[in-house]
């Protein structure tokens, strides 16, 4: 993914969260995370991403 594509994806994520509203954002992010984990298809990689996200929160 190029920097431009990453920026476009991040922008869409932010817009979608804004549209859904603060009350629905946590459920949306949880669903997005589950879909991404399923798409990754590698439990070890998913566990490392979960730890990385925790460590940088």
PDB file of N, CA and C in Angstrom:
ATOM      1  N   UNK A   1       0.848  -1.161   0.000  1.00  0.00           N
ATOM      2  CA  UNK A   1       0.000   0.000   0.000  1.00  0.00           C
ATOM      3  C   UNK A   1       0.903   1.236   0.000  1.00  0.00           C
ATOM      4  N   UNK A   2       0.607   2.155  -0.886  1.00  0.00           N
ATOM      5  CA  UNK A   2       1.401   3.379  -0.952  1.00  0.00           C
ATOM      6  C   UNK A   2       0.997   4.326   0.182  1.00  0.00           C
ATOM      7  N   UNK A   3       1.816   5.336   0.427  1.00  0.00           N
ATOM      8  CA  UNK A   3       1.475   6.340   1.440  1.00  0.00           C
ATOM      9  C   UNK A   3       0.165   7.027   1.103  1.00  0.00           C
ATOM     10  N   UNK A   4      -0.049   7.294  -0.171  1.00  0.00           N
ATOM     11  CA  UNK A   4      -1.282   7.952  -0.616  1.00  0.00           C
ATOM     12  C   UNK A   4      -2.496   7.058  -0.355  1.00  0.00           C
ATOM     13  N   UNK A   5      -2.357   5.778  -0.650  1.00  0.00           N
ATOM     14  CA  UNK A   5      -3.452   4.839  -0.394  1.00  0.00           C
ATOM     15  C   UNK A   5      -3.725   4.709   1.095  1.00  0.00           C
ATOM     16  N   UNK A   6      -2.660   4.640   1.891  1.00  0.00           N
ATOM     17  CA  UNK A   6      -2.817   4.556   3.339  1.00  0.00           C
ATOM     18  C   UNK A   6      -3.541   5.789   3.868  1.00  0.00           C
ATOM     19  N   UNK A   7      -3.179   6.957   3.365  1.00  0.00           N
ATOM     20  CA  UNK A   7      -3.845   8.193   3.766  1.00  0.00           C
ATOM     21  C   UNK A   7      -5.325   8.171   3.387  1.00  0.00           C
ATOM     22  N   UNK A   8      -5.636   7.681   2.202  1.00  0.00           N
ATOM     23  CA  UNK A   8      -7.029   7.608   1.761  1.00  0.00           C
ATOM     24  C   UNK A   8      -7.836   6.650   2.640  1.00  0.00           C
ATOM     25  N   UNK A   9      -7.239   5.519   2.993  1.00  0.00           N
ATOM     26  CA  UNK A   9      -7.920   4.551   3.850  1.00  0.00           C
ATOM     27  C   UNK A   9      -8.151   5.144   5.234  1.00  0.00           C
ATOM     28  N   UNK A  10      -7.129   5.791   5.795  1.00  0.00           N
ATOM     29  CA  UNK A  10      -7.258   6.407   7.114  1.00  0.00           C
ATOM     30  C   UNK A  10      -8.326   7.495   7.096  1.00  0.00           C
ATOM     31  N   UNK A  11      -8.340   8.297   6.041  1.00  0.00           N
ATOM     32  CA  UNK A  11      -9.341   9.359   5.912  1.00  0.00           C
ATOM     33  C   UNK A  11     -10.745   8.770   5.870  1.00  0.00           C
ATOM     34  N   UNK A  12     -10.924   7.679   5.110  1.00  0.00           N
ATOM     35  CA  UNK A  12     -12.238   7.037   5.034  1.00  0.00           C
ATOM     36  C   UNK A  12     -12.647   6.466   6.387  1.00  0.00           C
ATOM     37  N   UNK A  13     -11.684   5.880   7.111  1.00  0.00           N
ATOM     38  CA  UNK A  13     -11.957   5.360   8.447  1.00  0.00           C
ATOM     39  C   UNK A  13     -12.461   6.477   9.355  1.00  0.00           C
ATOM     40  N   UNK A  14     -11.774   7.612   9.345  1.00  0.00           N
ATOM     41  CA  UNK A  14     -12.162   8.746  10.189  1.00  0.00           C
ATOM     42  C   UNK A  14     -13.537   9.280   9.804  1.00  0.00           C
ATOM     43  N   UNK A  15     -13.791   9.406   8.509  1.00  0.00           N
ATOM     44  CA  UNK A  15     -15.097   9.894   8.042  1.00  0.00           C
ATOM     45  C   UNK A  15     -16.217   8.948   8.472  1.00  0.00           C
ATOM     46  N   UNK A  16     -15.970   7.654   8.339  1.00  0.00           N
ATOM     47  CA  UNK A  16     -16.984   6.668   8.702  1.00  0.00           C
ATOM     48  C   UNK A  16     -17.275   6.728  10.198  1.00  0.00           C
ATOM     49  N   UNK A  17     -16.239   6.839  11.012  1.00  0.00           N
ATOM     50  CA  UNK A  17     -16.442   6.929  12.460  1.00  0.00           C
ATOM     51  C   UNK A  17     -17.215   8.195  12.819  1.00  0.00           C
ATOM     52  N   UNK A  18     -16.942   9.290  12.134  1.00  0.00           N
ATOM     53  CA  UNK A  18     -17.661  10.536  12.373  1.00  0.00           C
ATOM     54  C   UNK A  18     -19.133  10.375  12.010  1.00  0.00           C
ATOM     55  N   UNK A  19     -19.395   9.743  10.864  1.00  0.00           N
ATOM     56  CA  UNK A  19     -20.778   9.518  10.428  1.00  0.00           C
ATOM     57  C   UNK A  19     -21.544   8.651  11.426  1.00  0.00           C
ATOM     58  N   UNK A  20     -20.894   7.626  11.959  1.00  0.00           N
ATOM     59  CA  UNK A  20     -21.548   6.721  12.890  1.00  0.00           C
ATOM     60  C   UNK A  20     -21.779   7.354  14.252  1.00  0.00           C
ATOM     61  N   UNK A  21     -20.921   8.271  14.629  1.00  0.00           N
ATOM     62  CA  UNK A  21     -21.039   8.935  15.920  1.00  0.00           C
ATOM     63  C   UNK A  21     -20.233   8.239  17.001  1.00  0.00           C
ATOM     64  N   UNK A  22     -19.933   8.996  18.029  1.00  0.00           N
ATOM     65  CA  UNK A  22     -19.071   8.518  19.109  1.00  0.00           C
ATOM     66  C   UNK A  22     -19.624   7.274  19.802  1.00  0.00           C
ATOM     67  N   UNK A  23     -20.927   7.181  19.946  1.00  0.00           N
ATOM     68  CA  UNK A  23     -21.525   6.047  20.651  1.00  0.00           C
ATOM     69  C   UNK A  23     -21.329   4.732  19.894  1.00  0.00           C
ATOM     70  N   UNK A  24     -21.269   4.792  18.568  1.00  0.00           N
ATOM     71  CA  UNK A  24     -21.149   3.579  17.765  1.00  0.00           C
ATOM     72  C   UNK A  24     -19.710   3.260  17.341  1.00  0.00           C
ATOM     73  N   UNK A  25     -18.785   4.173  17.568  1.00  0.00           N
ATOM     74  CA  UNK A  25     -17.404   3.990  17.127  1.00  0.00           C
ATOM     75  C   UNK A  25     -16.735   2.748  17.723  1.00  0.00           C
ATOM     76  N   UNK A  26     -16.879   2.470  19.028  1.00  0.00           N
ATOM     77  CA  UNK A  26     -16.214   1.278  19.569  1.00  0.00           C
ATOM     78  C   UNK A  26     -16.699  -0.028  18.939  1.00  0.00           C
ATOM     79  N   UNK A  27     -17.994  -0.156  18.705  1.00  0.00           N
ATOM     80  CA  UNK A  27     -18.521  -1.358  18.081  1.00  0.00           C
ATOM     81  C   UNK A  27     -18.034  -1.469  16.640  1.00  0.00           C
ATOM     82  N   UNK A  28     -18.021  -0.342  15.937  1.00  0.00           N
ATOM     83  CA  UNK A  28     -17.522  -0.316  14.561  1.00  0.00           C
ATOM     84  C   UNK A  28     -16.061  -0.757  14.504  1.00  0.00           C
ATOM     85  N   UNK A  29     -15.228  -0.213  15.387  1.00  0.00           N
ATOM     86  CA  UNK A  29     -13.808  -0.568  15.397  1.00  0.00           C
ATOM     87  C   UNK A  29     -13.603  -2.038  15.763  1.00  0.00           C
ATOM     88  N   UNK A  30     -14.411  -2.552  16.690  1.00  0.00           N
ATOM     89  CA  UNK A  30     -14.310  -3.961  17.049  1.00  0.00           C
ATOM     90  C   UNK A  30     -14.671  -4.841  15.855  1.00  0.00           C
ATOM     91  N   UNK A  31     -15.727  -4.485  15.145  1.00  0.00           N
ATOM     92  CA  UNK A  31     -16.137  -5.262  13.969  1.00  0.00           C
ATOM     93  C   UNK A  31     -15.078  -5.185  12.875  1.00  0.00           C
ATOM     94  N   UNK A  32     -14.536  -3.993  12.665  1.00  0.00           N
ATOM     95  CA  UNK A  32     -13.478  -3.816  11.677  1.00  0.00           C
ATOM     96  C   UNK A  32     -12.252  -4.660  12.039  1.00  0.00           C
ATOM     97  N   UNK A  33     -11.904  -4.675  13.320  1.00  0.00           N
ATOM     98  CA  UNK A  33     -10.761  -5.473  13.767  1.00  0.00           C
ATOM     99  C   UNK A  33     -10.996  -6.958  13.517  1.00  0.00           C
ATOM    100  N   UNK A  34     -12.200  -7.443  13.821  1.00  0.00           N
ATOM    101  CA  UNK A  34     -12.499  -8.858  13.586  1.00  0.00           C
ATOM    102  C   UNK A  34     -12.432  -9.206  12.106  1.00  0.00           C
ATOM    103  N   UNK A  35     -12.947  -8.332  11.255  1.00  0.00           N
ATOM    104  CA  UNK A  35     -12.873  -8.563   9.817  1.00  0.00           C
ATOM    105  C   UNK A  35     -11.421  -8.576   9.329  1.00  0.00           C
ATOM    106  N   UNK A  36     -10.610  -7.659   9.860  1.00  0.00           N
ATOM    107  CA  UNK A  36      -9.203  -7.597   9.473  1.00  0.00           C
ATOM    108  C   UNK A  36      -8.450  -8.836   9.948  1.00  0.00           C
ATOM    109  N   UNK A  37      -8.721  -9.277  11.173  1.00  0.00           N
ATOM    110  CA  UNK A  37      -8.074 -10.477  11.703  1.00  0.00           C
ATOM    111  C   UNK A  37      -8.419 -11.691  10.843  1.00  0.00           C
ATOM    112  N   UNK A  38      -9.681 -11.787  10.460  1.00  0.00           N
ATOM    113  CA  UNK A  38     -10.101 -12.887   9.606  1.00  0.00           C
ATOM    114  C   UNK A  38      -9.392 -12.830   8.261  1.00  0.00           C
ATOM    115  N   UNK A  39      -9.252 -11.638   7.710  1.00  0.00           N
ATOM    116  CA  UNK A  39      -8.604 -11.471   6.397  1.00  0.00           C
ATOM    117  C   UNK A  39      -7.121 -11.788   6.488  1.00  0.00           C
ATOM    118  N   UNK A  40      -6.473 -11.433   7.615  1.00  0.00           N
ATOM    119  CA  UNK A  40      -5.048 -11.727   7.801  1.00  0.00           C
ATOM    120  C   UNK A  40      -4.831 -13.237   7.771  1.00  0.00           C
ATOM    121  N   UNK A  41      -5.684 -13.966   8.467  1.00  0.00           N
ATOM    122  CA  UNK A  41      -5.631 -15.420   8.426  1.00  0.00           C
ATOM    123  C   UNK A  41      -4.420 -16.045   9.102  1.00  0.00           C
ATOM    124  N   UNK A  42      -3.755 -15.309   9.953  1.00  0.00           N
ATOM    125  CA  UNK A  42      -2.549 -15.800  10.631  1.00  0.00           C
ATOM    126  C   UNK A  42      -2.639 -15.378  12.092  1.00  0.00           C
ATOM    127  N   UNK A  43      -2.902 -16.349  12.964  1.00  0.00           N
ATOM    128  CA  UNK A  43      -3.117 -16.043  14.377  1.00  0.00           C
ATOM    129  C   UNK A  43      -1.913 -15.349  15.008  1.00  0.00           C
ATOM    130  N   UNK A  44      -0.710 -15.798  14.684  1.00  0.00           N
ATOM    131  CA  UNK A  44       0.493 -15.184  15.243  1.00  0.00           C
ATOM    132  C   UNK A  44       0.635 -13.728  14.839  1.00  0.00           C
ATOM    133  N   UNK A  45       0.412 -13.442  13.560  1.00  0.00           N
ATOM    134  CA  UNK A  45       0.496 -12.063  13.078  1.00  0.00           C
ATOM    135  C   UNK A  45      -0.574 -11.206  13.735  1.00  0.00           C
ATOM    136  N   UNK A  46      -1.776 -11.749  13.874  1.00  0.00           N
ATOM    137  CA  UNK A  46      -2.862 -10.999  14.509  1.00  0.00           C
ATOM    138  C   UNK A  46      -2.531 -10.701  15.971  1.00  0.00           C
ATOM    139  N   UNK A  47      -1.963 -11.676  16.669  1.00  0.00           N
ATOM    140  CA  UNK A  47      -1.592 -11.463  18.077  1.00  0.00           C
ATOM    141  C   UNK A  47      -0.524 -10.380  18.195  1.00  0.00           C
ATOM    142  N   UNK A  48       0.431 -10.366  17.268  1.00  0.00           N
ATOM    143  CA  UNK A  48       1.476  -9.334  17.298  1.00  0.00           C
ATOM    144  C   UNK A  48       0.873  -7.953  17.035  1.00  0.00           C
ATOM    145  N   UNK A  49      -0.074  -7.863  16.126  1.00  0.00           N
ATOM    146  CA  UNK A  49      -0.730  -6.581  15.857  1.00  0.00           C
ATOM    147  C   UNK A  49      -1.512  -6.097  17.064  1.00  0.00           C
ATOM    148  N   UNK A  50      -2.194  -7.013  17.752  1.00  0.00           N
ATOM    149  CA  UNK A  50      -2.937  -6.654  18.960  1.00  0.00           C
ATOM    150  C   UNK A  50      -1.972  -6.110  20.009  1.00  0.00           C
ATOM    151  N   UNK A  51      -0.851  -6.767  20.195  1.00  0.00           N
ATOM    152  CA  UNK A  51       0.150  -6.305  21.176  1.00  0.00           C
ATOM    153  C   UNK A  51       0.744  -4.963  20.756  1.00  0.00           C
ATOM    154  N   UNK A  52       1.061  -4.800  19.479  1.00  0.00           N
ATOM    155  CA  UNK A  52       1.609  -3.536  18.988  1.00  0.00           C
ATOM    156  C   UNK A  52       0.633  -2.391  19.231  1.00  0.00           C
ATOM    157  N   UNK A  53      -0.652  -2.623  18.946  1.00  0.00           N
ATOM    158  CA  UNK A  53      -1.654  -1.584  19.149  1.00  0.00           C
ATOM    159  C   UNK A  53      -1.769  -1.224  20.632  1.00  0.00           C
ATOM    160  N   UNK A  54      -1.714  -2.231  21.499  1.00  0.00           N
ATOM    161  CA  UNK A  54      -1.767  -1.986  22.934  1.00  0.00           C
ATOM    162  C   UNK A  54      -0.562  -1.173  23.399  1.00  0.00           C
ATOM    163  N   UNK A  55       0.602  -1.553  22.910  1.00  0.00           N
ATOM    164  CA  UNK A  55       1.836  -0.907  23.354  1.00  0.00           C
ATOM    165  C   UNK A  55       1.962   0.524  22.864  1.00  0.00           C
ATOM    166  N   UNK A  56       1.219   0.887  21.844  1.00  0.00           N
ATOM    167  CA  UNK A  56       1.304   2.237  21.287  1.00  0.00           C
ATOM    168  C   UNK A  56       0.025   3.038  21.493  1.00  0.00           C
ATOM    169  N   UNK A  57      -0.827   2.574  22.420  1.00  0.00           N
ATOM    170  CA  UNK A  57      -2.082   3.280  22.702  1.00  0.00           C
ATOM    171  C   UNK A  57      -1.846   4.420  23.677  1.00  0.00           C
TER     172      UNK A  57
END
